[in-house]
Amino acid sequence: MSSKEILEQALKLKPDERFMVVEGLIKSLDEPDSSIDAIWAEEAEKRLRAYRAGKLEGIPMEEIFKEE
């Protein structure tokens, strides 16, 4: 079944049933991905090492969140 056919069928559902389909689809996009988590953990460790070695400068939190 094509995505167009799936959409056509979903639009025939009652509003509460359509909501359940949408909610399920959104939740499926939010699932954790361990490979991406590993990449981010490695990047965070790399940045921390660079900061501690003086190769990377920190930015004060106040500057990051200041309103302009």
PDB file of N, CA and C in Angstrom:
ATOM      1  N   MET A   1       0.855  -1.171   0.000  1.00  0.00           N
ATOM      2  CA  MET A   1       0.000   0.000   0.000  1.00  0.00           C
ATOM      3  C   MET A   1       0.904   1.239   0.000  1.00  0.00           C
ATOM      4  N   SER A   2       0.617   2.195  -0.850  1.00  0.00           N
ATOM      5  CA  SER A   2       1.418   3.417  -0.927  1.00  0.00           C
ATOM      6  C   SER A   2       1.055   4.366   0.213  1.00  0.00           C
ATOM      7  N   SER A   3       1.917   5.342   0.437  1.00  0.00           N
ATOM      8  CA  SER A   3       1.643   6.310   1.496  1.00  0.00           C
ATOM      9  C   SER A   3       0.389   7.126   1.173  1.00  0.00           C
ATOM     10  N   LYS A   4       0.140   7.358  -0.109  1.00  0.00           N
ATOM     11  CA  LYS A   4      -1.070   8.088  -0.501  1.00  0.00           C
ATOM     12  C   LYS A   4      -2.311   7.274  -0.142  1.00  0.00           C
ATOM     13  N   GLU A   5      -2.264   5.975  -0.383  1.00  0.00           N
ATOM     14  CA  GLU A   5      -3.402   5.103  -0.053  1.00  0.00           C
ATOM     15  C   GLU A   5      -3.602   5.021   1.462  1.00  0.00           C
ATOM     16  N   ILE A   6      -2.496   4.974   2.185  1.00  0.00           N
ATOM     17  CA  ILE A   6      -2.587   4.934   3.652  1.00  0.00           C
ATOM     18  C   ILE A   6      -3.250   6.204   4.158  1.00  0.00           C
ATOM     19  N   LEU A   7      -2.832   7.350   3.618  1.00  0.00           N
ATOM     20  CA  LEU A   7      -3.439   8.617   4.025  1.00  0.00           C
ATOM     21  C   LEU A   7      -4.926   8.643   3.702  1.00  0.00           C
ATOM     22  N   GLU A   8      -5.300   8.179   2.520  1.00  0.00           N
ATOM     23  CA  GLU A   8      -6.713   8.155   2.140  1.00  0.00           C
ATOM     24  C   GLU A   8      -7.522   7.304   3.114  1.00  0.00           C
ATOM     25  N   GLN A   9      -6.984   6.155   3.502  1.00  0.00           N
ATOM     26  CA  GLN A   9      -7.665   5.281   4.451  1.00  0.00           C
ATOM     27  C   GLN A   9      -7.735   5.922   5.832  1.00  0.00           C
ATOM     28  N   ALA A  10      -6.643   6.569   6.240  1.00  0.00           N
ATOM     29  CA  ALA A  10      -6.614   7.208   7.560  1.00  0.00           C
ATOM     30  C   ALA A  10      -7.637   8.333   7.645  1.00  0.00           C
ATOM     31  N   LEU A  11      -7.833   9.057   6.556  1.00  0.00           N
ATOM     32  CA  LEU A  11      -8.789  10.166   6.556  1.00  0.00           C
ATOM     33  C   LEU A  11     -10.235   9.683   6.680  1.00  0.00           C
ATOM     34  N   LYS A  12     -10.463   8.414   6.445  1.00  0.00           N
ATOM     35  CA  LYS A  12     -11.804   7.839   6.582  1.00  0.00           C
ATOM     36  C   LYS A  12     -12.109   7.452   8.027  1.00  0.00           C
ATOM     37  N   LEU A  13     -11.101   7.464   8.872  1.00  0.00           N
ATOM     38  CA  LEU A  13     -11.281   7.078  10.273  1.00  0.00           C
ATOM     39  C   LEU A  13     -12.020   8.171  11.041  1.00  0.00           C
ATOM     40  N   LYS A  14     -12.572   7.782  12.175  1.00  0.00           N
ATOM     41  CA  LYS A  14     -13.206   8.748  13.087  1.00  0.00           C
ATOM     42  C   LYS A  14     -12.105   9.624  13.669  1.00  0.00           C
ATOM     43  N   PRO A  15     -12.445  10.852  14.097  1.00  0.00           N
ATOM     44  CA  PRO A  15     -11.423  11.762  14.636  1.00  0.00           C
ATOM     45  C   PRO A  15     -10.556  11.150  15.739  1.00  0.00           C
ATOM     46  N   ASP A  16     -11.149  10.433  16.680  1.00  0.00           N
ATOM     47  CA  ASP A  16     -10.348   9.851  17.762  1.00  0.00           C
ATOM     48  C   ASP A  16      -9.410   8.765  17.237  1.00  0.00           C
ATOM     49  N   GLU A  17      -9.843   8.040  16.209  1.00  0.00           N
ATOM     50  CA  GLU A  17      -8.984   7.014  15.614  1.00  0.00           C
ATOM     51  C   GLU A  17      -7.835   7.669  14.842  1.00  0.00           C
ATOM     52  N   ARG A  18      -8.133   8.778  14.142  1.00  0.00           N
ATOM     53  CA  ARG A  18      -7.077   9.511  13.427  1.00  0.00           C
ATOM     54  C   ARG A  18      -6.055  10.053  14.422  1.00  0.00           C
ATOM     55  N   PHE A  19      -6.546  10.536  15.560  1.00  0.00           N
ATOM     56  CA  PHE A  19      -5.644  11.041  16.591  1.00  0.00           C
ATOM     57  C   PHE A  19      -4.698   9.941  17.055  1.00  0.00           C
ATOM     58  N   MET A  20      -5.227   8.748  17.263  1.00  0.00           N
ATOM     59  CA  MET A  20      -4.389   7.629  17.709  1.00  0.00           C
ATOM     60  C   MET A  20      -3.313   7.313  16.674  1.00  0.00           C
ATOM     61  N   VAL A  21      -3.675   7.376  15.390  1.00  0.00           N
ATOM     62  CA  VAL A  21      -2.705   7.109  14.318  1.00  0.00           C
ATOM     63  C   VAL A  21      -1.611   8.184  14.333  1.00  0.00           C
ATOM     64  N   VAL A  22      -2.017   9.439  14.413  1.00  0.00           N
ATOM     65  CA  VAL A  22      -1.055  10.543  14.429  1.00  0.00           C
ATOM     66  C   VAL A  22      -0.142  10.433  15.644  1.00  0.00           C
ATOM     67  N   GLU A  23      -0.730  10.175  16.793  1.00  0.00           N
ATOM     68  CA  GLU A  23       0.062  10.060  18.017  1.00  0.00           C
ATOM     69  C   GLU A  23       1.080   8.921  17.898  1.00  0.00           C
ATOM     70  N   GLY A  24       0.647   7.799  17.349  1.00  0.00           N
ATOM     71  CA  GLY A  24       1.561   6.677  17.167  1.00  0.00           C
ATOM     72  C   GLY A  24       2.695   6.996  16.218  1.00  0.00           C
ATOM     73  N   LEU A  25       2.393   7.723  15.146  1.00  0.00           N
ATOM     74  CA  LEU A  25       3.432   8.108  14.198  1.00  0.00           C
ATOM     75  C   LEU A  25       4.431   9.061  14.829  1.00  0.00           C
ATOM     76  N   ILE A  26       3.936  10.034  15.575  1.00  0.00           N
ATOM     77  CA  ILE A  26       4.829  10.997  16.225  1.00  0.00           C
ATOM     78  C   ILE A  26       5.715  10.293  17.248  1.00  0.00           C
ATOM     79  N   LYS A  27       5.133   9.398  18.036  1.00  0.00           N
ATOM     80  CA  LYS A  27       5.929   8.663  19.026  1.00  0.00           C
ATOM     81  C   LYS A  27       7.013   7.835  18.344  1.00  0.00           C
ATOM     82  N   SER A  28       6.714   7.287  17.171  1.00  0.00           N
ATOM     83  CA  SER A  28       7.700   6.461  16.477  1.00  0.00           C
ATOM     84  C   SER A  28       8.899   7.292  16.028  1.00  0.00           C
ATOM     85  N   LEU A  29       8.709   8.580  15.802  1.00  0.00           N
ATOM     86  CA  LEU A  29       9.809   9.457  15.413  1.00  0.00           C
ATOM     87  C   LEU A  29      10.648   9.867  16.609  1.00  0.00           C
ATOM     88  N   ASP A  30      10.108   9.736  17.797  1.00  0.00           N
ATOM     89  CA  ASP A  30      10.766  10.164  19.025  1.00  0.00           C
ATOM     90  C   ASP A  30      11.547   9.053  19.720  1.00  0.00           C
ATOM     91  N   GLU A  31      11.570   7.873  19.158  1.00  0.00           N
ATOM     92  CA  GLU A  31      12.248   6.754  19.811  1.00  0.00           C
ATOM     93  C   GLU A  31      13.751   6.984  19.839  1.00  0.00           C
ATOM     94  N   PRO A  32      14.385   6.657  20.947  1.00  0.00           N
ATOM     95  CA  PRO A  32      15.828   6.845  21.043  1.00  0.00           C
ATOM     96  C   PRO A  32      16.578   5.961  20.047  1.00  0.00           C
ATOM     97  N   ASP A  33      17.668   6.478  19.550  1.00  0.00           N
ATOM     98  CA  ASP A  33      18.514   5.732  18.621  1.00  0.00           C
ATOM     99  C   ASP A  33      19.888   5.612  19.274  1.00  0.00           C
ATOM    100  N   SER A  34      20.242   4.414  19.698  1.00  0.00           N
ATOM    101  CA  SER A  34      21.483   4.227  20.457  1.00  0.00           C
ATOM    102  C   SER A  34      22.713   4.603  19.646  1.00  0.00           C
ATOM    103  N   SER A  35      22.682   4.453  18.319  1.00  0.00           N
ATOM    104  CA  SER A  35      23.854   4.820  17.520  1.00  0.00           C
ATOM    105  C   SER A  35      24.048   6.336  17.526  1.00  0.00           C
ATOM    106  N   ILE A  36      22.948   7.093  17.467  1.00  0.00           N
ATOM    107  CA  ILE A  36      23.052   8.550  17.526  1.00  0.00           C
ATOM    108  C   ILE A  36      23.480   8.984  18.926  1.00  0.00           C
ATOM    109  N   ASP A  37      22.939   8.332  19.955  1.00  0.00           N
ATOM    110  CA  ASP A  37      23.343   8.640  21.330  1.00  0.00           C
ATOM    111  C   ASP A  37      24.841   8.426  21.512  1.00  0.00           C
ATOM    112  N   ALA A  38      25.381   7.368  20.921  1.00  0.00           N
ATOM    113  CA  ALA A  38      26.815   7.072  21.038  1.00  0.00           C
ATOM    114  C   ALA A  38      27.647   8.147  20.344  1.00  0.00           C
ATOM    115  N   ILE A  39      27.189   8.605  19.194  1.00  0.00           N
ATOM    116  CA  ILE A  39      27.902   9.660  18.467  1.00  0.00           C
ATOM    117  C   ILE A  39      27.937  10.940  19.291  1.00  0.00           C
ATOM    118  N   TRP A  40      26.781  11.310  19.887  1.00  0.00           N
ATOM    119  CA  TRP A  40      26.727  12.523  20.716  1.00  0.00           C
ATOM    120  C   TRP A  40      27.584  12.381  21.970  1.00  0.00           C
ATOM    121  N   ALA A  41      27.597  11.210  22.580  1.00  0.00           N
ATOM    122  CA  ALA A  41      28.424  10.996  23.772  1.00  0.00           C
ATOM    123  C   ALA A  41      29.900  11.146  23.425  1.00  0.00           C
ATOM    124  N   GLU A  42      30.301  10.604  22.295  1.00  0.00           N
ATOM    125  CA  GLU A  42      31.689  10.731  21.850  1.00  0.00           C
ATOM    126  C   GLU A  42      32.048  12.199  21.586  1.00  0.00           C
ATOM    127  N   GLU A  43      31.135  12.935  20.943  1.00  0.00           N
ATOM    128  CA  GLU A  43      31.366  14.360  20.668  1.00  0.00           C
ATOM    129  C   GLU A  43      31.470  15.149  21.971  1.00  0.00           C
ATOM    130  N   ALA A  44      30.611  14.847  22.937  1.00  0.00           N
ATOM    131  CA  ALA A  44      30.645  15.548  24.219  1.00  0.00           C
ATOM    132  C   ALA A  44      31.979  15.288  24.929  1.00  0.00           C
ATOM    133  N   GLU A  45      32.453  14.051  24.902  1.00  0.00           N
ATOM    134  CA  GLU A  45      33.742  13.721  25.530  1.00  0.00           C
ATOM    135  C   GLU A  45      34.880  14.460  24.825  1.00  0.00           C
ATOM    136  N   LYS A  46      34.819  14.517  23.506  1.00  0.00           N
ATOM    137  CA  LYS A  46      35.846  15.215  22.723  1.00  0.00           C
ATOM    138  C   LYS A  46      35.878  16.701  23.086  1.00  0.00           C
ATOM    139  N   ARG A  47      34.714  17.319  23.200  1.00  0.00           N
ATOM    140  CA  ARG A  47      34.641  18.738  23.550  1.00  0.00           C
ATOM    141  C   ARG A  47      35.120  18.982  24.975  1.00  0.00           C
ATOM    142  N   LEU A  48      34.779  18.080  25.891  1.00  0.00           N
ATOM    143  CA  LEU A  48      35.223  18.222  27.280  1.00  0.00           C
ATOM    144  C   LEU A  48      36.748  18.128  27.374  1.00  0.00           C
ATOM    145  N   ARG A  49      37.343  17.172  26.653  1.00  0.00           N
ATOM    146  CA  ARG A  49      38.801  17.043  26.644  1.00  0.00           C
ATOM    147  C   ARG A  49      39.451  18.309  26.082  1.00  0.00           C
ATOM    148  N   ALA A  50      38.888  18.854  25.010  1.00  0.00           N
ATOM    149  CA  ALA A  50      39.427  20.067  24.388  1.00  0.00           C
ATOM    150  C   ALA A  50      39.309  21.252  25.351  1.00  0.00           C
ATOM    151  N   TYR A  51      38.194  21.341  26.052  1.00  0.00           N
ATOM    152  CA  TYR A  51      37.996  22.425  27.024  1.00  0.00           C
ATOM    153  C   TYR A  51      39.024  22.316  28.151  1.00  0.00           C
ATOM    154  N   ARG A  52      39.183  21.118  28.697  1.00  0.00           N
ATOM    155  CA  ARG A  52      40.123  20.916  29.804  1.00  0.00           C
ATOM    156  C   ARG A  52      41.571  21.157  29.371  1.00  0.00           C
ATOM    157  N   ALA A  53      41.869  20.910  28.093  1.00  0.00           N
ATOM    158  CA  ALA A  53      43.225  21.115  27.580  1.00  0.00           C
ATOM    159  C   ALA A  53      43.453  22.579  27.172  1.00  0.00           C
ATOM    160  N   GLY A  54      42.415  23.402  27.304  1.00  0.00           N
ATOM    161  CA  GLY A  54      42.559  24.816  26.960  1.00  0.00           C
ATOM    162  C   GLY A  54      42.431  25.094  25.467  1.00  0.00           C
ATOM    163  N   LYS A  55      41.993  24.117  24.700  1.00  0.00           N
ATOM    164  CA  LYS A  55      41.843  24.288  23.251  1.00  0.00           C
ATOM    165  C   LYS A  55      40.455  24.789  22.864  1.00  0.00           C
ATOM    166  N   LEU A  56      39.570  24.814  23.819  1.00  0.00           N
ATOM    167  CA  LEU A  56      38.186  25.231  23.567  1.00  0.00           C
ATOM    168  C   LEU A  56      37.769  26.160  24.691  1.00  0.00           C
ATOM    169  N   GLU A  57      37.213  27.299  24.325  1.00  0.00           N
ATOM    170  CA  GLU A  57      36.810  28.287  25.324  1.00  0.00           C
ATOM    171  C   GLU A  57      35.328  28.133  25.633  1.00  0.00           C
ATOM    172  N   GLY A  58      34.980  28.283  26.901  1.00  0.00           N
ATOM    173  CA  GLY A  58      33.582  28.214  27.307  1.00  0.00           C
ATOM    174  C   GLY A  58      32.865  29.535  27.072  1.00  0.00           C
ATOM    175  N   ILE A  59      31.554  29.480  27.026  1.00  0.00           N
ATOM    176  CA  ILE A  59      30.720  30.672  26.882  1.00  0.00           C
ATOM    177  C   ILE A  59      29.837  30.738  28.121  1.00  0.00           C
ATOM    178  N   PRO A  60      29.844  31.881  28.831  1.00  0.00           N
ATOM    179  CA  PRO A  60      29.009  31.991  30.027  1.00  0.00           C
ATOM    180  C   PRO A  60      27.523  31.754  29.702  1.00  0.00           C
ATOM    181  N   MET A  61      26.842  31.060  30.581  1.00  0.00           N
ATOM    182  CA  MET A  61      25.431  30.748  30.387  1.00  0.00           C
ATOM    183  C   MET A  61      24.597  32.008  30.182  1.00  0.00           C
ATOM    184  N   GLU A  62      24.933  33.057  30.909  1.00  0.00           N
ATOM    185  CA  GLU A  62      24.193  34.320  30.800  1.00  0.00           C
ATOM    186  C   GLU A  62      24.243  34.864  29.378  1.00  0.00           C
ATOM    187  N   GLU A  63      25.390  34.699  28.737  1.00  0.00           N
ATOM    188  CA  GLU A  63      25.556  35.184  27.369  1.00  0.00           C
ATOM    189  C   GLU A  63      24.729  34.343  26.384  1.00  0.00           C
ATOM    190  N   ILE A  64      24.691  33.059  26.620  1.00  0.00           N
ATOM    191  CA  ILE A  64      23.942  32.166  25.734  1.00  0.00           C
ATOM    192  C   ILE A  64      22.449  32.470  25.795  1.00  0.00           C
ATOM    193  N   PHE A  65      21.932  32.697  27.007  1.00  0.00           N
ATOM    194  CA  PHE A  65      20.501  32.863  27.184  1.00  0.00           C
ATOM    195  C   PHE A  65      20.026  34.313  27.281  1.00  0.00           C
ATOM    196  N   LYS A  66      20.918  35.258  26.999  1.00  0.00           N
ATOM    197  CA  LYS A  66      20.500  36.655  27.107  1.00  0.00           C
ATOM    198  C   LYS A  66      19.476  36.986  26.021  1.00  0.00           C
ATOM    199  N   GLU A  67      18.550  37.828  26.395  1.00  0.00           N
ATOM    200  CA  GLU A  67      17.509  38.240  25.446  1.00  0.00           C
ATOM    201  C   GLU A  67      17.963  39.501  24.746  1.00  0.00           C
ATOM    202  N   GLU A  68      17.723  39.542  23.475  1.00  0.00           N
ATOM    203  CA  GLU A  68      18.134  40.721  22.707  1.00  0.00           C
ATOM    204  C   GLU A  68      16.926  41.495  22.264  1.00  0.00           C
TER     205      GLU A  68
END
